[in-house]
Protein backbone atom coordinates (compact mmCIF):
# COMPACT_ATOMS: atom_id res chain seq x y z
CA UNK A 1 -15.39 5.16 0.77
CA UNK A 2 -13.93 2.61 -1.63
CA UNK A 3 -11.60 2.57 -4.73
CA UNK A 4 -11.83 0.28 -7.33
CA UNK A 5 -9.22 -0.50 -9.93
CA UNK A 6 -10.64 -3.31 -12.70
CA UNK A 7 -8.15 -4.68 -15.27
CA UNK A 8 -7.54 -7.42 -17.50
CA UNK A 9 -9.88 -7.05 -19.84
CA UNK A 10 -9.27 -7.57 -24.15
CA UNK A 11 -10.48 -9.23 -27.40
CA UNK A 12 -10.38 -12.86 -26.92
CA UNK A 13 -11.90 -15.28 -29.81
CA UNK A 14 -15.18 -17.46 -28.61
CA UNK A 15 -13.45 -20.06 -26.29
CA UNK A 16 -10.32 -18.33 -25.50
CA UNK A 17 -9.57 -17.38 -21.67
CA UNK A 18 -9.12 -14.18 -20.06
CA UNK A 19 -8.22 -13.11 -16.20
CA UNK A 20 -9.28 -10.26 -14.79
CA UNK A 21 -8.19 -8.56 -11.60
CA UNK A 22 -9.73 -5.71 -9.22
CA UNK A 23 -7.50 -4.27 -6.54
CA UNK A 24 -10.18 -2.62 -3.99
CA UNK A 25 -9.13 -0.29 -1.34
CA UNK A 26 -10.85 2.15 1.08
CA UNK A 27 -13.13 1.67 4.32
CA UNK A 28 -15.45 -0.03 2.66
CA UNK A 29 -12.44 -3.00 2.73
CA UNK A 30 -11.30 -2.35 5.73
CA UNK A 31 -12.03 -5.93 7.04
CA UNK A 32 -11.05 -7.70 3.35
CA UNK A 33 -10.86 -11.00 2.66
CA UNK A 34 -13.82 -10.89 5.04
CA UNK A 35 -16.10 -8.25 2.94
CA UNK A 36 -18.64 -9.71 0.47
CA UNK A 37 -17.26 -8.78 -3.14
CA UNK A 38 -18.00 -9.49 -6.41
CA UNK A 39 -17.54 -9.10 -10.32
CA UNK A 40 -20.44 -7.83 -12.13
CA UNK A 41 -20.74 -7.11 -15.88
CA UNK A 42 -22.74 -4.94 -18.42
CA UNK A 43 -23.34 -6.15 -21.30
CA UNK A 44 -24.33 -3.38 -24.28
CA UNK A 45 -27.95 -2.50 -23.95
CA UNK A 46 -28.76 -4.61 -20.93
CA UNK A 47 -28.66 -3.69 -17.07
CA UNK A 48 -25.62 -4.44 -14.74
CA UNK A 49 -25.46 -8.34 -13.76
CA UNK A 50 -23.83 -10.64 -10.94
CA UNK A 51 -20.96 -12.89 -12.57
CA UNK A 52 -19.43 -14.23 -9.60
CA UNK A 53 -18.53 -13.42 -5.90
CA UNK A 54 -17.67 -14.14 -2.61
CA UNK A 55 -19.46 -13.96 0.35
CA UNK A 56 -18.18 -13.03 3.69
CA UNK A 57 -17.98 -16.71 4.99
CA UNK A 58 -15.69 -17.10 1.42
CA UNK A 59 -18.57 -19.16 0.19
CA UNK A 60 -18.83 -18.29 -3.87
CA UNK A 61 -21.34 -17.81 -6.07
CA UNK A 62 -21.70 -18.01 -9.39
CA UNK A 63 -24.45 -17.01 -12.17
CA UNK A 64 -25.74 -19.86 -13.93
CA UNK A 65 -24.23 -18.39 -17.45
CA UNK A 66 -21.18 -18.75 -16.21
CA UNK A 67 -21.16 -21.69 -13.70
CA UNK A 68 -18.41 -24.43 -15.00
CA UNK A 69 -16.61 -21.84 -16.87
CA UNK A 70 -15.52 -19.03 -14.33
CA UNK A 71 -13.73 -19.57 -11.17
CA UNK A 72 -13.26 -16.47 -9.20
CA UNK A 73 -10.40 -16.24 -6.54
CA UNK A 74 -8.53 -13.90 -4.49
CA UNK A 75 -5.39 -12.78 -3.17
CA UNK A 76 -5.81 -11.51 0.72
CA UNK A 77 -2.45 -9.63 0.85
CA UNK A 78 -2.70 -7.71 -2.16
CA UNK A 79 -6.78 -7.19 -1.88
CA UNK A 80 -7.21 -8.11 -5.26
CA UNK A 81 -10.13 -10.46 -6.58
CA UNK A 82 -9.55 -12.46 -9.76
CA UNK A 83 -12.22 -14.22 -12.22
CA UNK A 84 -10.58 -16.59 -14.36
CA UNK A 85 -12.98 -16.93 -17.19
CA UNK A 86 -12.65 -19.93 -19.71
CA UNK A 87 -14.41 -21.29 -22.42
CA UNK A 88 -15.72 -17.61 -23.41
CA UNK A 89 -18.67 -17.05 -25.46
CA UNK A 90 -20.06 -13.79 -27.09
CA UNK A 91 -22.83 -13.48 -24.88
CA UNK A 92 -19.89 -12.64 -22.30
CA UNK A 93 -19.19 -9.47 -23.85
CA UNK A 94 -19.32 -6.63 -21.71
CA UNK A 95 -17.56 -4.32 -19.53
CA UNK A 96 -16.81 -5.79 -16.22
CA UNK A 97 -16.87 -4.41 -12.54
CA UNK A 98 -16.28 -5.38 -9.14
CA UNK A 99 -17.81 -4.18 -6.39
CA UNK A 100 -19.45 -5.12 -2.80
CA UNK A 101 -21.58 -8.15 -3.16
CA UNK A 102 -25.27 -7.44 -3.35
CA UNK A 103 -28.36 -8.49 -5.37
CA UNK A 104 -29.26 -5.18 -6.26
CA UNK A 105 -26.08 -3.49 -7.80
CA UNK A 106 -28.07 -0.70 -9.21
CA UNK A 107 -28.48 0.82 -5.85
CA UNK A 108 -24.49 1.09 -5.63
CA UNK A 109 -23.23 4.27 -5.89
CA UNK A 110 -19.53 4.19 -6.30
CA UNK A 111 -17.91 2.25 -9.17
CA UNK A 112 -14.36 1.76 -10.66
CA UNK A 113 -13.85 2.05 -14.52
CA UNK A 114 -14.41 -1.51 -15.68
CA UNK A 115 -12.66 -3.35 -17.92
CA UNK A 116 -14.02 -4.19 -21.50
CA UNK A 117 -14.04 -7.38 -22.48
CA UNK A 118 -15.01 -8.28 -26.11
CA UNK A 119 -15.62 -12.06 -27.21
CA UNK A 120 -15.43 -12.45 -30.99
CA UNK A 121 -17.68 -15.04 -33.03
């Protein structure tokens, strides 16, 4: 089992910044920080997509669309994962979720409520 609590979303203008946070807990994250974990987003009318994540080794990976703008970090003691999102664009608008890292997020069955990010033109 897992629990995921995302926070930090809001409305920001193009070019602005936001820092989201996700507290993870439960048996699925018992080996955190060695558990692969990622942030995903779902834009209106689109499928959920990977934004950024940590592999179990600690190696970070990013979607091409956010490279150079987003930085993912984590607080091991607090079991929290953060994406710092800079130079935001309207295309970054969506609901942001965290979960275990996978190339097939649609196969994950447990999700948090997510946090909405709206980037205005």
